[in-house]
Amino acid sequence: AEIDTVEKLAKLVPCEHEDLLNVTLRLLLNLSFDTGLRSKMVQADLLPKLTTLL
């Protein structure tokens, strides 16, 4: 069951702890293959946060 996973992960981006950020980004990448979760990522304003990390 989905329990606001994307919203909780969005709070961790950006993060000062490099290992935590790395694991969070990898998890978000895996979750992004689900169209529903991908749209939640857009709604959670993750795209601007992710582009600042580039």
PDB file of N, CA and C in Angstrom:
ATOM      1  N   ALA A   1       0.836  -1.192   0.000  1.00  0.00           N
ATOM      2  CA  ALA A   1       0.000   0.000   0.000  1.00  0.00           C
ATOM      3  C   ALA A   1       0.875   1.247   0.000  1.00  0.00           C
ATOM      4  N   GLU A   2       0.439   2.254  -0.718  1.00  0.00           N
ATOM      5  CA  GLU A   2       1.172   3.512  -0.757  1.00  0.00           C
ATOM      6  C   GLU A   2       0.864   4.308   0.505  1.00  0.00           C
ATOM      7  N   ILE A   3       1.895   4.755   1.162  1.00  0.00           N
ATOM      8  CA  ILE A   3       1.722   5.538   2.387  1.00  0.00           C
ATOM      9  C   ILE A   3       2.483   6.851   2.262  1.00  0.00           C
ATOM     10  N   ASP A   4       2.167   7.587   1.228  1.00  0.00           N
ATOM     11  CA  ASP A   4       2.810   8.880   0.972  1.00  0.00           C
ATOM     12  C   ASP A   4       4.323   8.744   0.864  1.00  0.00           C
ATOM     13  N   THR A   5       4.764   7.689   0.215  1.00  0.00           N
ATOM     14  CA  THR A   5       6.195   7.423   0.077  1.00  0.00           C
ATOM     15  C   THR A   5       6.899   8.564  -0.636  1.00  0.00           C
ATOM     16  N   VAL A   6       6.334   9.013  -1.738  1.00  0.00           N
ATOM     17  CA  VAL A   6       6.980  10.071  -2.519  1.00  0.00           C
ATOM     18  C   VAL A   6       7.072  11.354  -1.704  1.00  0.00           C
ATOM     19  N   GLU A   7       6.016  11.687  -1.002  1.00  0.00           N
ATOM     20  CA  GLU A   7       6.021  12.907  -0.205  1.00  0.00           C
ATOM     21  C   GLU A   7       7.077  12.841   0.894  1.00  0.00           C
ATOM     22  N   LYS A   8       7.221  11.673   1.508  1.00  0.00           N
ATOM     23  CA  LYS A   8       8.229  11.513   2.561  1.00  0.00           C
ATOM     24  C   LYS A   8       9.635  11.584   1.984  1.00  0.00           C
ATOM     25  N   LEU A   9       9.837  10.994   0.815  1.00  0.00           N
ATOM     26  CA  LEU A   9      11.155  11.040   0.186  1.00  0.00           C
ATOM     27  C   LEU A   9      11.497  12.447  -0.284  1.00  0.00           C
ATOM     28  N   ALA A  10      10.482  13.201  -0.702  1.00  0.00           N
ATOM     29  CA  ALA A  10      10.718  14.565  -1.185  1.00  0.00           C
ATOM     30  C   ALA A  10      11.308  15.445  -0.090  1.00  0.00           C
ATOM     31  N   LYS A  11      10.997  15.133   1.163  1.00  0.00           N
ATOM     32  CA  LYS A  11      11.544  15.913   2.276  1.00  0.00           C
ATOM     33  C   LYS A  11      13.045  15.687   2.438  1.00  0.00           C
ATOM     34  N   LEU A  12      13.551  14.593   1.885  1.00  0.00           N
ATOM     35  CA  LEU A  12      14.968  14.264   2.018  1.00  0.00           C
ATOM     36  C   LEU A  12      15.828  14.841   0.899  1.00  0.00           C
ATOM     37  N   VAL A  13      15.195  15.524  -0.034  1.00  0.00           N
ATOM     38  CA  VAL A  13      15.940  16.104  -1.160  1.00  0.00           C
ATOM     39  C   VAL A  13      15.828  17.617  -1.069  1.00  0.00           C
ATOM     40  N   PRO A  14      16.896  18.362  -1.004  1.00  0.00           N
ATOM     41  CA  PRO A  14      18.280  17.910  -0.872  1.00  0.00           C
ATOM     42  C   PRO A  14      18.590  17.528   0.565  1.00  0.00           C
ATOM     43  N   CYS A  15      19.715  16.866   0.746  1.00  0.00           N
ATOM     44  CA  CYS A  15      20.141  16.398   2.059  1.00  0.00           C
ATOM     45  C   CYS A  15      21.653  16.568   2.158  1.00  0.00           C
ATOM     46  N   GLU A  16      22.127  16.943   3.320  1.00  0.00           N
ATOM     47  CA  GLU A  16      23.562  17.157   3.497  1.00  0.00           C
ATOM     48  C   GLU A  16      24.337  15.849   3.602  1.00  0.00           C
ATOM     49  N   HIS A  17      23.660  14.778   3.967  1.00  0.00           N
ATOM     50  CA  HIS A  17      24.311  13.478   4.105  1.00  0.00           C
ATOM     51  C   HIS A  17      24.363  12.804   2.738  1.00  0.00           C
ATOM     52  N   GLU A  18      25.548  12.701   2.192  1.00  0.00           N
ATOM     53  CA  GLU A  18      25.723  12.217   0.821  1.00  0.00           C
ATOM     54  C   GLU A  18      25.178  10.804   0.624  1.00  0.00           C
ATOM     55  N   ASP A  19      25.408   9.918   1.580  1.00  0.00           N
ATOM     56  CA  ASP A  19      24.935   8.539   1.446  1.00  0.00           C
ATOM     57  C   ASP A  19      23.406   8.469   1.447  1.00  0.00           C
ATOM     58  N   LEU A  20      22.782   9.227   2.334  1.00  0.00           N
ATOM     59  CA  LEU A  20      21.322   9.246   2.389  1.00  0.00           C
ATOM     60  C   LEU A  20      20.741   9.828   1.108  1.00  0.00           C
ATOM     61  N   LEU A  21      21.339  10.879   0.602  1.00  0.00           N
ATOM     62  CA  LEU A  21      20.876  11.480  -0.648  1.00  0.00           C
ATOM     63  C   LEU A  21      21.020  10.497  -1.800  1.00  0.00           C
ATOM     64  N   ASN A  22      22.136   9.787  -1.853  1.00  0.00           N
ATOM     65  CA  ASN A  22      22.381   8.815  -2.916  1.00  0.00           C
ATOM     66  C   ASN A  22      21.325   7.710  -2.902  1.00  0.00           C
ATOM     67  N   VAL A  23      21.039   7.163  -1.736  1.00  0.00           N
ATOM     68  CA  VAL A  23      20.041   6.100  -1.625  1.00  0.00           C
ATOM     69  C   VAL A  23      18.650   6.634  -1.969  1.00  0.00           C
ATOM     70  N   THR A  24      18.349   7.841  -1.525  1.00  0.00           N
ATOM     71  CA  THR A  24      17.046   8.442  -1.814  1.00  0.00           C
ATOM     72  C   THR A  24      16.860   8.653  -3.309  1.00  0.00           C
ATOM     73  N   LEU A  25      17.891   9.156  -3.976  1.00  0.00           N
ATOM     74  CA  LEU A  25      17.793   9.386  -5.421  1.00  0.00           C
ATOM     75  C   LEU A  25      17.653   8.077  -6.184  1.00  0.00           C
ATOM     76  N   ARG A  26      18.342   7.048  -5.749  1.00  0.00           N
ATOM     77  CA  ARG A  26      18.218   5.742  -6.408  1.00  0.00           C
ATOM     78  C   ARG A  26      16.811   5.174  -6.228  1.00  0.00           C
ATOM     79  N   LEU A  27      16.260   5.336  -5.031  1.00  0.00           N
ATOM     80  CA  LEU A  27      14.902   4.857  -4.780  1.00  0.00           C
ATOM     81  C   LEU A  27      13.894   5.634  -5.620  1.00  0.00           C
ATOM     82  N   LEU A  28      14.067   6.938  -5.704  1.00  0.00           N
ATOM     83  CA  LEU A  28      13.168   7.744  -6.537  1.00  0.00           C
ATOM     84  C   LEU A  28      13.267   7.341  -8.004  1.00  0.00           C
ATOM     85  N   LEU A  29      14.467   7.025  -8.458  1.00  0.00           N
ATOM     86  CA  LEU A  29      14.630   6.560  -9.836  1.00  0.00           C
ATOM     87  C   LEU A  29      13.832   5.285 -10.062  1.00  0.00           C
ATOM     88  N   ASN A  30      13.948   4.331  -9.160  1.00  0.00           N
ATOM     89  CA  ASN A  30      13.210   3.076  -9.301  1.00  0.00           C
ATOM     90  C   ASN A  30      11.702   3.306  -9.249  1.00  0.00           C
ATOM     91  N   LEU A  31      11.257   4.166  -8.355  1.00  0.00           N
ATOM     92  CA  LEU A  31       9.823   4.435  -8.235  1.00  0.00           C
ATOM     93  C   LEU A  31       9.286   5.202  -9.439  1.00  0.00           C
ATOM     94  N   SER A  32      10.155   5.922 -10.135  1.00  0.00           N
ATOM     95  CA  SER A  32       9.701   6.742 -11.263  1.00  0.00           C
ATOM     96  C   SER A  32       9.225   5.908 -12.446  1.00  0.00           C
ATOM     97  N   PHE A  33       9.492   4.623 -12.446  1.00  0.00           N
ATOM     98  CA  PHE A  33       9.008   3.773 -13.532  1.00  0.00           C
ATOM     99  C   PHE A  33       7.513   3.490 -13.405  1.00  0.00           C
ATOM    100  N   ASP A  34       6.932   3.765 -12.253  1.00  0.00           N
ATOM    101  CA  ASP A  34       5.489   3.642 -12.053  1.00  0.00           C
ATOM    102  C   ASP A  34       4.860   4.991 -12.398  1.00  0.00           C
ATOM    103  N   THR A  35       3.925   4.984 -13.344  1.00  0.00           N
ATOM    104  CA  THR A  35       3.360   6.255 -13.821  1.00  0.00           C
ATOM    105  C   THR A  35       2.637   7.026 -12.717  1.00  0.00           C
ATOM    106  N   GLY A  36       1.959   6.324 -11.843  1.00  0.00           N
ATOM    107  CA  GLY A  36       1.251   6.999 -10.756  1.00  0.00           C
ATOM    108  C   GLY A  36       2.205   7.679  -9.792  1.00  0.00           C
ATOM    109  N   LEU A  37       3.270   6.972  -9.441  1.00  0.00           N
ATOM    110  CA  LEU A  37       4.259   7.551  -8.530  1.00  0.00           C
ATOM    111  C   LEU A  37       5.036   8.674  -9.205  1.00  0.00           C
ATOM    112  N   ARG A  38       5.255   8.532 -10.508  1.00  0.00           N
ATOM    113  CA  ARG A  38       5.951   9.590 -11.246  1.00  0.00           C
ATOM    114  C   ARG A  38       5.131  10.880 -11.218  1.00  0.00           C
ATOM    115  N   SER A  39       3.827  10.774 -11.377  1.00  0.00           N
ATOM    116  CA  SER A  39       2.998  11.979 -11.327  1.00  0.00           C
ATOM    117  C   SER A  39       2.977  12.565  -9.919  1.00  0.00           C
ATOM    118  N   LYS A  40       3.067  11.708  -8.898  1.00  0.00           N
ATOM    119  CA  LYS A  40       3.149  12.223  -7.525  1.00  0.00           C
ATOM    120  C   LYS A  40       4.452  12.975  -7.305  1.00  0.00           C
ATOM    121  N   MET A  41       5.517  12.533  -7.965  1.00  0.00           N
ATOM    122  CA  MET A  41       6.799  13.229  -7.855  1.00  0.00           C
ATOM    123  C   MET A  41       6.687  14.631  -8.441  1.00  0.00           C
ATOM    124  N   VAL A  42       5.971  14.757  -9.543  1.00  0.00           N
ATOM    125  CA  VAL A  42       5.767  16.072 -10.157  1.00  0.00           C
ATOM    126  C   VAL A  42       4.922  16.937  -9.231  1.00  0.00           C
ATOM    127  N   GLN A  43       3.873  16.359  -8.651  1.00  0.00           N
ATOM    128  CA  GLN A  43       3.000  17.104  -7.746  1.00  0.00           C
ATOM    129  C   GLN A  43       3.724  17.522  -6.472  1.00  0.00           C
ATOM    130  N   ALA A  44       4.708  16.737  -6.057  1.00  0.00           N
ATOM    131  CA  ALA A  44       5.468  17.049  -4.842  1.00  0.00           C
ATOM    132  C   ALA A  44       6.596  18.042  -5.116  1.00  0.00           C
ATOM    133  N   ASP A  45       6.615  18.616  -6.314  1.00  0.00           N
ATOM    134  CA  ASP A  45       7.633  19.602  -6.717  1.00  0.00           C
ATOM    135  C   ASP A  45       9.056  19.067  -6.587  1.00  0.00           C
ATOM    136  N   LEU A  46       9.241  17.814  -6.961  1.00  0.00           N
ATOM    137  CA  LEU A  46      10.572  17.223  -6.903  1.00  0.00           C
ATOM    138  C   LEU A  46      11.454  17.648  -8.070  1.00  0.00           C
ATOM    139  N   LEU A  47      10.858  17.966  -9.213  1.00  0.00           N
ATOM    140  CA  LEU A  47      11.671  18.305 -10.385  1.00  0.00           C
ATOM    141  C   LEU A  47      12.592  19.503 -10.154  1.00  0.00           C
ATOM    142  N   PRO A  48      12.112  20.607  -9.606  1.00  0.00           N
ATOM    143  CA  PRO A  48      13.037  21.721  -9.349  1.00  0.00           C
ATOM    144  C   PRO A  48      14.148  21.338  -8.369  1.00  0.00           C
ATOM    145  N   LYS A  49      13.802  20.539  -7.363  1.00  0.00           N
ATOM    146  CA  LYS A  49      14.810  20.104  -6.395  1.00  0.00           C
ATOM    147  C   LYS A  49      15.865  19.237  -7.067  1.00  0.00           C
ATOM    148  N   LEU A  50      15.424  18.363  -7.950  1.00  0.00           N
ATOM    149  CA  LEU A  50      16.359  17.456  -8.616  1.00  0.00           C
ATOM    150  C   LEU A  50      17.251  18.201  -9.604  1.00  0.00           C
ATOM    151  N   THR A  51      16.700  19.190 -10.281  1.00  0.00           N
ATOM    152  CA  THR A  51      17.516  19.921 -11.254  1.00  0.00           C
ATOM    153  C   THR A  51      18.603  20.747 -10.575  1.00  0.00           C
ATOM    154  N   THR A  52      18.377  21.170  -9.344  1.00  0.00           N
ATOM    155  CA  THR A  52      19.425  21.914  -8.638  1.00  0.00           C
ATOM    156  C   THR A  52      20.593  21.009  -8.269  1.00  0.00           C
ATOM    157  N   LEU A  53      20.366  19.712  -8.235  1.00  0.00           N
ATOM    158  CA  LEU A  53      21.432  18.770  -7.898  1.00  0.00           C
ATOM    159  C   LEU A  53      22.316  18.435  -9.092  1.00  0.00           C
ATOM    160  N   LEU A  54      21.899  18.827 -10.290  1.00  0.00           N
ATOM    161  CA  LEU A  54      22.695  18.510 -11.481  1.00  0.00           C
ATOM    162  C   LEU A  54      23.979  19.300 -11.534  1.00  0.00           C
TER     163      LEU A  54
END
